[in-house]
N, C-alpha and C. Protein backbone atom coordinates (compact mmCIF):
# COMPACT_ATOMS: atom_id res chain seq x y z
N MET A 1 0.80 -1.11 -0.16
CA MET A 1 0.12 0.23 0.04
C MET A 1 0.99 1.20 0.09
N SER A 2 0.43 2.28 -1.00
CA SER A 2 1.33 3.42 -0.71
C SER A 2 1.51 4.41 0.44
N GLN A 3 2.21 5.05 0.25
CA GLN A 3 2.04 6.20 1.25
C GLN A 3 0.74 7.05 1.16
N ASN A 4 0.50 7.17 0.22
CA ASN A 4 -0.61 7.93 0.04
C ASN A 4 -1.89 7.77 0.38
N THR A 5 -1.86 5.97 -0.38
CA THR A 5 -3.02 5.65 0.01
C THR A 5 -3.34 5.27 1.36
N LYS A 6 -2.18 5.37 2.30
CA LYS A 6 -2.71 5.01 4.13
C LYS A 6 -2.69 6.42 4.21
N ARG A 7 -2.05 7.62 3.94
CA ARG A 7 -2.97 8.70 4.70
C ARG A 7 -4.28 8.81 3.97
N ALA A 8 -4.99 8.59 3.03
CA ALA A 8 -6.05 8.89 2.79
C ALA A 8 -6.97 8.22 3.45
N LEU A 9 -6.64 6.71 3.68
CA LEU A 9 -7.35 6.27 4.62
C LEU A 9 -7.76 6.49 6.28
N LEU A 10 -6.35 7.24 6.70
CA LEU A 10 -6.35 7.75 8.07
C LEU A 10 -7.32 9.13 8.26
N LEU A 11 -6.96 9.76 6.81
CA LEU A 11 -7.92 10.54 6.83
C LEU A 11 -8.84 10.52 6.67
N GLY A 12 -9.31 9.56 6.53
CA GLY A 12 -10.91 9.08 5.91
C GLY A 12 -11.91 8.78 7.63
N ALA A 13 -10.69 7.94 7.64
CA ALA A 13 -11.37 7.55 9.34
C ALA A 13 -11.35 8.39 10.30
N LEU A 14 -10.30 9.10 10.23
CA LEU A 14 -10.19 10.70 11.56
C LEU A 14 -11.57 11.13 10.82
N VAL A 15 -11.48 11.47 9.84
CA VAL A 15 -12.95 12.53 9.45
C VAL A 15 -14.58 12.05 9.87
N GLY A 16 -14.47 10.58 9.64
CA GLY A 16 -15.60 10.07 9.92
C GLY A 16 -15.84 9.56 11.33
N ALA A 17 -14.39 9.57 12.43
CA ALA A 17 -14.80 9.58 13.78
C ALA A 17 -15.18 10.88 14.12
N MET A 18 -14.58 11.97 13.74
CA MET A 18 -15.46 13.33 14.05
C MET A 18 -16.32 13.71 13.81
N GLY A 19 -16.75 13.18 12.50
CA GLY A 19 -18.61 13.38 12.11
C GLY A 19 -19.42 12.19 13.37
N LEU A 20 -18.89 11.24 13.12
CA LEU A 20 -19.79 10.83 14.37
C LEU A 20 -19.88 11.07 15.83
N SER A 21 -18.76 11.94 16.41
CA SER A 21 -18.69 12.38 17.86
C SER A 21 -19.68 13.45 17.46
N ALA A 22 -19.37 13.85 16.48
CA ALA A 22 -20.15 15.68 16.25
C ALA A 22 -21.72 15.15 16.45
N CYS A 23 -22.20 13.95 16.26
CA CYS A 23 -23.65 13.74 16.42
C CYS A 23 -24.14 13.48 17.08
N GLY A 24 -23.06 12.82 18.07
CA GLY A 24 -23.62 12.43 20.01
C GLY A 24 -24.30 13.83 20.61
N GLY A 25 -24.07 14.75 20.50
CA GLY A 25 -24.67 15.74 21.06
C GLY A 25 -26.10 16.27 20.56
N ALA A 26 -26.88 15.96 19.54
CA ALA A 26 -27.93 16.55 19.11
C ALA A 26 -28.45 15.24 19.09
N ASN A 27 -27.99 14.26 19.52
CA ASN A 27 -29.13 12.73 19.33
C ASN A 27 -30.14 12.78 20.31
N PRO A 28 -31.38 12.63 20.25
CA PRO A 28 -32.19 13.11 21.30
C PRO A 28 -32.13 11.79 22.15
N ALA A 29 -31.92 10.58 21.68
CA ALA A 29 -32.13 9.27 22.49
C ALA A 29 -30.96 9.17 23.74
N ILE A 30 -30.25 9.97 22.77
CA ILE A 30 -29.16 10.45 24.23
C ILE A 30 -29.02 11.32 25.00
N ALA A 31 -29.51 12.40 24.87
CA ALA A 31 -30.17 13.38 25.36
C ALA A 31 -31.19 12.87 26.33
N ASP A 32 -32.01 11.86 26.08
CA ASP A 32 -33.03 11.67 27.04
C ASP A 32 -32.93 10.31 28.02
N ARG A 33 -31.59 9.87 28.04
CA ARG A 33 -31.26 8.60 28.22
C ARG A 33 -31.07 9.03 30.18
N LEU A 34 -31.70 8.05 30.91
CA LEU A 34 -31.31 8.18 32.48
C LEU A 34 -29.85 8.97 32.70
N VAL A 35 -29.89 9.73 33.59
CA VAL A 35 -28.65 10.31 34.24
C VAL A 35 -28.72 9.93 35.48
N GLU A 36 -27.73 9.16 35.63
CA GLU A 36 -27.91 8.54 37.17
C GLU A 36 -26.95 9.75 38.19
N SER A 37 -27.74 9.93 39.32
CA SER A 37 -27.05 10.94 40.55
C SER A 37 -27.54 10.56 41.91
N ARG A 38 -26.76 11.21 42.59
CA ARG A 38 -27.31 10.50 44.00
C ARG A 38 -28.64 10.91 44.24
N GLY A 39 -28.75 12.21 44.09
CA GLY A 39 -29.94 12.70 44.45
C GLY A 39 -31.52 12.10 43.55
N ALA A 40 -31.01 11.53 42.42
CA ALA A 40 -32.40 11.06 41.83
C ALA A 40 -32.20 9.49 42.30
N GLU A 41 -31.29 8.71 42.99
CA GLU A 41 -31.39 7.44 43.57
C GLU A 41 -31.88 7.60 44.58
N ALA A 42 -31.68 8.77 45.36
CA ALA A 42 -32.28 8.76 47.15
C ALA A 42 -33.95 9.18 46.95
N PHE A 43 -34.11 9.57 45.70
CA PHE A 43 -35.34 10.26 45.33
C PHE A 43 -36.31 8.89 44.95
N LEU A 44 -35.64 8.00 44.15
CA LEU A 44 -36.23 6.58 43.94
C LEU A 44 -36.17 5.76 45.21
N ASP A 45 -35.76 5.71 45.96
CA ASP A 45 -35.46 4.89 47.38
C ASP A 45 -36.28 5.45 48.30
N ARG A 46 -36.58 6.95 48.39
CA ARG A 46 -37.82 7.27 49.00
C ARG A 46 -39.24 7.07 48.39
N ILE A 47 -39.48 6.70 47.41
CA ILE A 47 -40.34 6.38 46.57
C ILE A 47 -40.74 4.87 47.21
N ALA A 48 -40.01 4.44 46.67
CA ALA A 48 -39.86 2.59 47.16
C ALA A 48 -40.06 2.59 48.55
N LYS A 49 -39.44 3.43 49.82
CA LYS A 49 -39.83 2.99 51.20
C LYS A 49 -40.86 3.70 51.50
N ASN A 50 -41.56 4.71 51.01
CA ASN A 50 -42.52 5.30 51.63
C ASN A 50 -43.85 5.30 50.90
N CYS A 51 -43.74 4.52 49.00
CA CYS A 51 -44.71 4.57 48.29
C CYS A 51 -44.58 3.25 47.50
N GLY A 52 -43.97 2.25 48.19
CA GLY A 52 -43.61 1.17 47.14
C GLY A 52 -44.83 0.17 47.54
N LYS A 53 -45.93 0.26 48.68
CA LYS A 53 -46.92 -0.79 48.57
C LYS A 53 -48.12 -0.15 47.66
N LEU A 54 -48.06 1.16 47.25
CA LEU A 54 -49.28 1.56 46.33
C LEU A 54 -49.16 0.97 44.84
N SER A 55 -50.21 1.25 44.12
CA SER A 55 -49.94 0.79 42.45
C SER A 55 -50.25 2.36 41.38
N VAL A 56 -49.77 1.72 40.40
CA VAL A 56 -50.20 2.97 39.14
C VAL A 56 -50.49 1.35 38.29
N GLY A 57 -51.51 1.55 37.37
CA GLY A 57 -51.85 0.55 37.00
C GLY A 57 -52.06 -0.47 37.57
N ASN A 58 -51.77 -1.45 37.65
CA ASN A 58 -51.71 -3.33 38.69
C ASN A 58 -50.60 -3.51 38.99
N GLN A 59 -49.40 -2.24 38.27
CA GLN A 59 -47.85 -2.80 39.48
C GLN A 59 -48.13 -1.91 40.33
N GLN A 60 -47.77 -2.83 41.82
CA GLN A 60 -46.81 -1.97 42.90
C GLN A 60 -45.66 -1.39 42.29
N LEU A 61 -45.49 0.03 43.28
CA LEU A 61 -44.44 0.80 42.45
C LEU A 61 -42.92 -0.12 43.28
N ASP A 62 -42.93 -0.74 44.17
CA ASP A 62 -42.05 -1.59 44.62
C ASP A 62 -41.30 -2.37 43.38
N TYR A 63 -42.33 -3.01 42.59
CA TYR A 63 -42.40 -3.86 41.11
C TYR A 63 -41.68 -3.33 40.30
N LEU A 64 -42.22 -2.09 40.15
CA LEU A 64 -41.66 -1.04 39.37
C LEU A 64 -40.21 -0.59 39.19
N LEU A 65 -40.03 -0.17 40.68
CA LEU A 65 -38.69 0.08 40.76
C LEU A 65 -37.38 -1.08 41.08
N ASP A 66 -38.09 -2.36 41.27
CA ASP A 66 -37.23 -3.14 41.14
C ASP A 66 -36.32 -3.54 39.77
N GLU A 67 -35.11 -3.32 39.88
CA GLU A 67 -33.70 -4.02 38.89
C GLU A 67 -34.30 -4.75 37.56
N SER A 68 -35.00 -5.80 38.15
CA SER A 68 -35.29 -6.85 37.47
C SER A 68 -36.47 -6.60 36.56
N SER A 69 -37.25 -5.83 37.36
CA SER A 69 -38.41 -5.54 36.02
C SER A 69 -37.99 -5.24 34.71
N ASP A 70 -38.89 -5.74 34.22
CA ASP A 70 -38.61 -4.99 32.28
C ASP A 70 -39.32 -4.32 31.99
N ASP A 71 -39.65 -3.01 32.85
CA ASP A 71 -40.57 -2.16 32.89
C ASP A 71 -39.76 -0.75 32.93
N THR A 72 -39.20 -0.35 31.94
CA THR A 72 -38.27 1.06 32.53
C THR A 72 -39.10 2.32 32.11
N TYR A 73 -40.05 1.82 31.48
CA TYR A 73 -41.18 3.17 31.51
C TYR A 73 -41.00 4.11 32.83
N PHE A 74 -41.74 3.34 34.26
CA PHE A 74 -42.08 4.44 35.00
C PHE A 74 -40.58 5.17 35.45
N VAL A 75 -39.49 4.24 35.42
CA VAL A 75 -38.15 4.96 35.86
C VAL A 75 -37.92 6.15 35.43
N ASP A 76 -37.89 5.66 34.11
CA ASP A 76 -37.69 7.15 33.34
C ASP A 76 -38.40 8.53 33.45
N GLU A 77 -39.88 7.95 33.47
CA GLU A 77 -40.70 8.94 33.60
C GLU A 77 -40.68 9.69 34.77
N THR A 78 -40.33 8.94 36.16
CA THR A 78 -40.30 9.53 37.69
C THR A 78 -38.47 10.20 37.72
N SER A 79 -37.70 9.65 36.95
CA SER A 79 -36.80 10.05 36.84
C SER A 79 -36.48 11.86 35.94
N LYS A 80 -37.38 12.01 35.00
CA LYS A 80 -37.67 12.92 34.13
C LYS A 80 -38.17 14.44 35.00
N LEU A 81 -39.71 13.70 36.02
CA LEU A 81 -40.02 14.70 37.34
C LEU A 81 -39.11 14.96 37.62
N TYR A 82 -37.91 14.43 38.49
CA TYR A 82 -36.85 14.33 39.83
C TYR A 82 -36.14 15.29 38.87
N PHE A 83 -35.42 15.52 37.61
CA PHE A 83 -34.57 16.19 37.28
C PHE A 83 -35.91 17.44 36.50
N GLY A 84 -37.19 17.76 36.82
CA GLY A 84 -37.71 19.21 36.08
C GLY A 84 -37.80 18.92 34.47
N ARG A 85 -37.84 17.97 34.26
CA ARG A 85 -37.73 17.86 32.49
C ARG A 85 -39.23 17.57 32.26
N VAL A 86 -39.89 17.10 33.48
CA VAL A 86 -41.86 16.80 33.06
C VAL A 86 -42.24 17.48 34.71
N ASP A 87 -43.38 18.17 34.28
CA ASP A 87 -43.88 18.97 35.62
C ASP A 87 -45.04 17.75 36.02
N LYS A 88 -45.69 17.79 37.15
CA LYS A 88 -46.38 16.92 37.91
C LYS A 88 -48.00 16.71 37.17
N ALA A 89 -48.29 17.85 36.22
CA ALA A 89 -49.32 17.71 35.66
C ALA A 89 -48.73 16.94 34.24
N ALA A 90 -47.68 16.79 33.85
CA ALA A 90 -47.48 16.05 32.34
C ALA A 90 -47.17 14.91 32.92
N TYR A 91 -46.67 15.05 34.22
CA TYR A 91 -46.02 13.42 34.45
C TYR A 91 -47.52 12.48 35.14
N SER A 92 -48.25 13.29 35.60
CA SER A 92 -49.63 12.55 36.04
C SER A 92 -50.52 12.04 34.74
N ALA A 93 -50.35 12.90 33.58
CA ALA A 93 -51.02 12.62 32.31
C ALA A 93 -50.07 11.02 31.76
N ASP A 94 -48.80 11.26 31.60
CA ASP A 94 -48.08 10.28 31.38
C ASP A 94 -48.41 9.08 31.62
N LEU A 95 -48.42 8.71 33.11
CA LEU A 95 -48.24 7.85 33.94
C LEU A 95 -49.80 6.96 33.91
N ASN A 96 -50.83 8.24 33.83
CA ASN A 96 -52.34 7.74 33.86
C ASN A 96 -52.52 7.20 32.31
N SER A 97 -51.60 7.55 31.44
CA SER A 97 -52.22 7.22 30.01
C SER A 97 -51.46 5.58 30.10
N PHE A 98 -50.25 5.86 30.43
CA PHE A 98 -49.37 4.55 30.15
C PHE A 98 -49.89 3.49 30.87
N TYR A 99 -50.30 3.72 32.04
CA TYR A 99 -50.94 2.82 33.03
C TYR A 99 -52.43 2.90 33.34
N PRO A 100 -53.38 3.03 32.05
CA PRO A 100 -54.87 3.29 32.36
C PRO A 100 -55.50 2.64 33.78
N THR A 101 -55.66 3.05 35.01
CA THR A 101 -56.42 3.11 35.74
C THR A 101 -56.86 4.08 36.41
N ASP A 102 -58.10 4.09 37.30
CA ASP A 102 -58.93 5.33 37.98
C ASP A 102 -58.05 4.94 39.19
N THR A 103 -57.14 4.09 39.82
CA THR A 103 -56.71 4.14 41.13
C THR A 103 -55.19 4.83 40.97
N ASN A 104 -54.77 5.46 40.06
CA ASN A 104 -53.64 5.85 40.37
C ASN A 104 -53.19 6.72 41.26
N GLY A 105 -54.14 8.09 41.70
CA GLY A 105 -54.09 8.99 42.48
C GLY A 105 -53.09 8.84 43.78
N PRO A 106 -53.40 7.75 44.76
CA PRO A 106 -52.87 7.78 45.76
C PRO A 106 -51.21 7.62 45.52
N ALA A 107 -50.66 6.61 44.68
CA ALA A 107 -49.62 6.86 44.43
C ALA A 107 -48.95 7.66 43.73
N LEU A 108 -49.72 8.45 43.03
CA LEU A 108 -49.06 9.63 42.20
C LEU A 108 -49.14 11.10 43.51
N ASP A 109 -49.74 11.13 44.10
CA ASP A 109 -49.66 12.06 45.78
C ASP A 109 -48.64 11.56 46.45
N CYS A 110 -48.19 10.52 46.44
CA CYS A 110 -47.26 9.82 47.28
C CYS A 110 -45.47 10.39 46.69
N ILE A 111 -46.09 10.26 45.50
CA ILE A 111 -44.88 10.26 44.49
C ILE A 111 -44.48 12.00 44.89
N PHE A 112 -45.39 12.67 44.47
CA PHE A 112 -44.98 13.99 44.52
C PHE A 112 -44.65 14.56 46.34
N ALA A 113 -45.20 13.72 47.20
CA ALA A 113 -44.66 14.11 48.30
C ALA A 113 -42.96 13.77 48.78
N GLN A 114 -43.16 12.84 47.99
CA GLN A 114 -41.38 12.55 48.18
C GLN A 114 -40.84 13.56 47.47
N LEU A 115 -40.90 13.87 46.14
CA LEU A 115 -40.17 14.70 45.33
C LEU A 115 -40.32 16.43 46.13
N ASP A 116 -41.32 16.81 47.02
CA ASP A 116 -41.25 18.00 48.01
C ASP A 116 -40.51 17.54 49.04
N ASN A 117 -40.08 16.65 49.47
CA ASN A 117 -39.02 16.20 50.71
C ASN A 117 -37.57 16.91 50.46
């Protein structure tokens, strides 16, 4: 392989890598991922401790917060609430549409009480 061919391949790889890294900042999926923090973890722990036996939909909050649960929607939405990416009204509407029952009120009230602590 000639020296010019090697340089062209190296330059192409470098430009491609730079292009991919530039896309990362604008990617909405990356911007929307759960950001781990001690405050958020403490908030989720308070919900588990004080609200865990309450339910949204047909699921107890204990189950939805369990690491083995395959339902990630609740943790994702609740993290957005903690970080201020959704307000209480939007959070309630989101959970009530994803877990459609008329019995979510007590769990939502308890979650909001943990947020205010």
